[in-house]
N, C-alpha and C. Protein backbone atom coordinates (compact mmCIF):
# COMPACT_ATOMS: atom_id res chain seq x y z
N MET A 1 -2.53 -12.76 35.86
CA MET A 1 -2.70 -11.32 35.85
C MET A 1 -1.97 -10.69 34.67
N PRO A 2 -0.74 -11.06 34.36
CA PRO A 2 -0.07 -10.47 33.19
C PRO A 2 -0.81 -10.76 31.89
N HIS A 3 -1.49 -11.91 31.83
CA HIS A 3 -2.24 -12.23 30.61
C HIS A 3 -3.40 -11.26 30.43
N THR A 4 -4.07 -10.91 31.52
CA THR A 4 -5.18 -9.98 31.45
C THR A 4 -4.72 -8.61 31.00
N VAL A 5 -3.59 -8.16 31.54
CA VAL A 5 -3.05 -6.86 31.16
C VAL A 5 -2.68 -6.87 29.68
N ALA A 6 -2.10 -7.96 29.21
CA ALA A 6 -1.71 -8.04 27.80
C ALA A 6 -2.94 -8.04 26.90
N LEU A 7 -4.00 -8.73 27.32
CA LEU A 7 -5.22 -8.74 26.52
C LEU A 7 -5.88 -7.37 26.48
N LEU A 8 -5.90 -6.68 27.62
CA LEU A 8 -6.48 -5.33 27.64
C LEU A 8 -5.66 -4.37 26.80
N ALA A 9 -4.34 -4.51 26.85
CA ALA A 9 -3.48 -3.63 26.04
C ALA A 9 -3.69 -3.90 24.56
N ALA A 10 -3.82 -5.15 24.18
CA ALA A 10 -4.04 -5.49 22.77
C ALA A 10 -5.41 -4.98 22.31
N ALA A 11 -6.41 -5.12 23.15
CA ALA A 11 -7.75 -4.66 22.78
C ALA A 11 -7.79 -3.15 22.66
N SER A 12 -7.13 -2.46 23.58
CA SER A 12 -7.16 -1.00 23.52
C SER A 12 -6.29 -0.48 22.38
N GLY A 13 -5.30 -1.24 21.98
CA GLY A 13 -4.47 -0.83 20.86
C GLY A 13 -5.22 -0.90 19.54
N GLU A 14 -6.17 -1.80 19.45
CA GLU A 14 -6.91 -1.96 18.21
C GLU A 14 -8.03 -0.94 18.06
N GLN A 15 -8.76 -0.65 19.14
CA GLN A 15 -9.95 0.16 19.00
C GLN A 15 -10.01 1.33 19.97
N GLY A 16 -8.90 1.69 20.55
CA GLY A 16 -8.88 2.81 21.47
C GLY A 16 -9.33 2.38 22.86
N PRO A 17 -9.23 3.28 23.82
CA PRO A 17 -9.54 2.93 25.21
C PRO A 17 -11.02 2.98 25.55
N GLY A 18 -11.88 3.25 24.59
CA GLY A 18 -13.29 3.45 24.88
C GLY A 18 -13.96 2.27 25.54
N ASN A 19 -13.83 1.08 24.97
CA ASN A 19 -14.48 -0.10 25.53
C ASN A 19 -13.89 -0.48 26.88
N THR A 20 -12.59 -0.38 27.01
CA THR A 20 -11.94 -0.71 28.28
C THR A 20 -12.41 0.24 29.38
N LEU A 21 -12.48 1.53 29.06
CA LEU A 21 -12.94 2.50 30.05
C LEU A 21 -14.39 2.26 30.42
N ARG A 22 -15.21 1.87 29.47
CA ARG A 22 -16.62 1.57 29.78
C ARG A 22 -16.73 0.39 30.73
N ILE A 23 -15.92 -0.64 30.49
CA ILE A 23 -15.96 -1.82 31.35
C ILE A 23 -15.49 -1.48 32.76
N VAL A 24 -14.40 -0.72 32.86
CA VAL A 24 -13.88 -0.33 34.17
C VAL A 24 -14.89 0.54 34.90
N LEU A 25 -15.51 1.48 34.21
CA LEU A 25 -16.49 2.36 34.83
C LEU A 25 -17.71 1.58 35.30
N LEU A 26 -18.20 0.68 34.49
CA LEU A 26 -19.36 -0.12 34.86
C LEU A 26 -19.05 -1.02 36.06
N ALA A 27 -17.88 -1.64 36.04
CA ALA A 27 -17.50 -2.52 37.15
C ALA A 27 -17.35 -1.72 38.44
N SER A 28 -16.81 -0.51 38.36
CA SER A 28 -16.65 0.29 39.57
C SER A 28 -18.00 0.76 40.10
N LEU A 29 -18.93 1.09 39.21
CA LEU A 29 -20.26 1.49 39.66
C LEU A 29 -20.99 0.33 40.34
N VAL A 30 -20.91 -0.85 39.74
CA VAL A 30 -21.55 -2.03 40.35
C VAL A 30 -20.89 -2.34 41.69
N GLY A 31 -19.58 -2.23 41.75
CA GLY A 31 -18.88 -2.46 43.01
C GLY A 31 -19.26 -1.46 44.09
N ALA A 32 -19.44 -0.20 43.70
CA ALA A 32 -19.82 0.83 44.67
C ALA A 32 -21.23 0.58 45.20
N VAL A 33 -22.14 0.16 44.32
CA VAL A 33 -23.50 -0.15 44.76
C VAL A 33 -23.50 -1.34 45.71
N LEU A 34 -22.77 -2.37 45.37
CA LEU A 34 -22.71 -3.55 46.24
C LEU A 34 -22.05 -3.22 47.58
N LEU A 35 -21.01 -2.41 47.56
CA LEU A 35 -20.35 -2.03 48.80
C LEU A 35 -21.28 -1.20 49.68
N GLY A 36 -22.00 -0.26 49.06
CA GLY A 36 -22.96 0.54 49.82
C GLY A 36 -24.05 -0.31 50.42
N TRP A 37 -24.58 -1.25 49.65
CA TRP A 37 -25.61 -2.15 50.18
C TRP A 37 -25.08 -2.97 51.34
N PHE A 38 -23.86 -3.48 51.19
CA PHE A 38 -23.28 -4.33 52.23
C PHE A 38 -23.04 -3.54 53.52
N LEU A 39 -22.57 -2.30 53.38
CA LEU A 39 -22.30 -1.50 54.57
C LEU A 39 -23.58 -0.99 55.22
N LEU A 40 -24.56 -0.59 54.41
CA LEU A 40 -25.77 0.01 54.97
C LEU A 40 -26.76 -1.00 55.50
N ARG A 41 -26.64 -2.26 55.11
CA ARG A 41 -27.61 -3.24 55.59
C ARG A 41 -27.45 -3.49 57.09
N GLY A 42 -26.30 -3.17 57.64
CA GLY A 42 -26.09 -3.32 59.07
C GLY A 42 -26.86 -2.29 59.89
N TYR A 43 -27.30 -1.20 59.26
CA TYR A 43 -28.03 -0.16 59.96
C TYR A 43 -29.54 -0.36 59.90
N ARG A 44 -29.97 -1.41 59.26
CA ARG A 44 -31.41 -1.68 59.15
C ARG A 44 -31.97 -2.03 60.53
N ASN A 45 -33.13 -1.51 60.83
CA ASN A 45 -33.75 -1.74 62.13
C ASN A 45 -34.98 -2.60 61.92
N ASP A 46 -34.94 -3.83 62.43
CA ASP A 46 -36.06 -4.76 62.28
C ASP A 46 -36.90 -4.84 63.55
N ASP A 47 -36.72 -3.92 64.48
CA ASP A 47 -37.43 -3.90 65.76
C ASP A 47 -37.17 -5.17 66.56
N ASN A 48 -36.05 -5.81 66.37
CA ASN A 48 -35.69 -7.02 67.12
C ASN A 48 -34.58 -6.73 68.12
N ASN A 49 -34.08 -5.50 68.16
CA ASN A 49 -32.91 -5.21 68.99
C ASN A 49 -33.30 -4.29 70.16
N ASP A 50 -34.42 -4.54 70.79
CA ASP A 50 -34.83 -3.71 71.93
C ASP A 50 -34.01 -4.04 73.16
């Protein structure tokens, strides 16, 4: 984990926080979509639960 933080700090020091913020934003959006799918799939009704 400290290696990842050091790499992100070095990358953001060279070119600003733009790329790092894009990666974090994209990962959070993908995570939110996957979490929503995982939670909402339990509410699907296949007409098998009469």
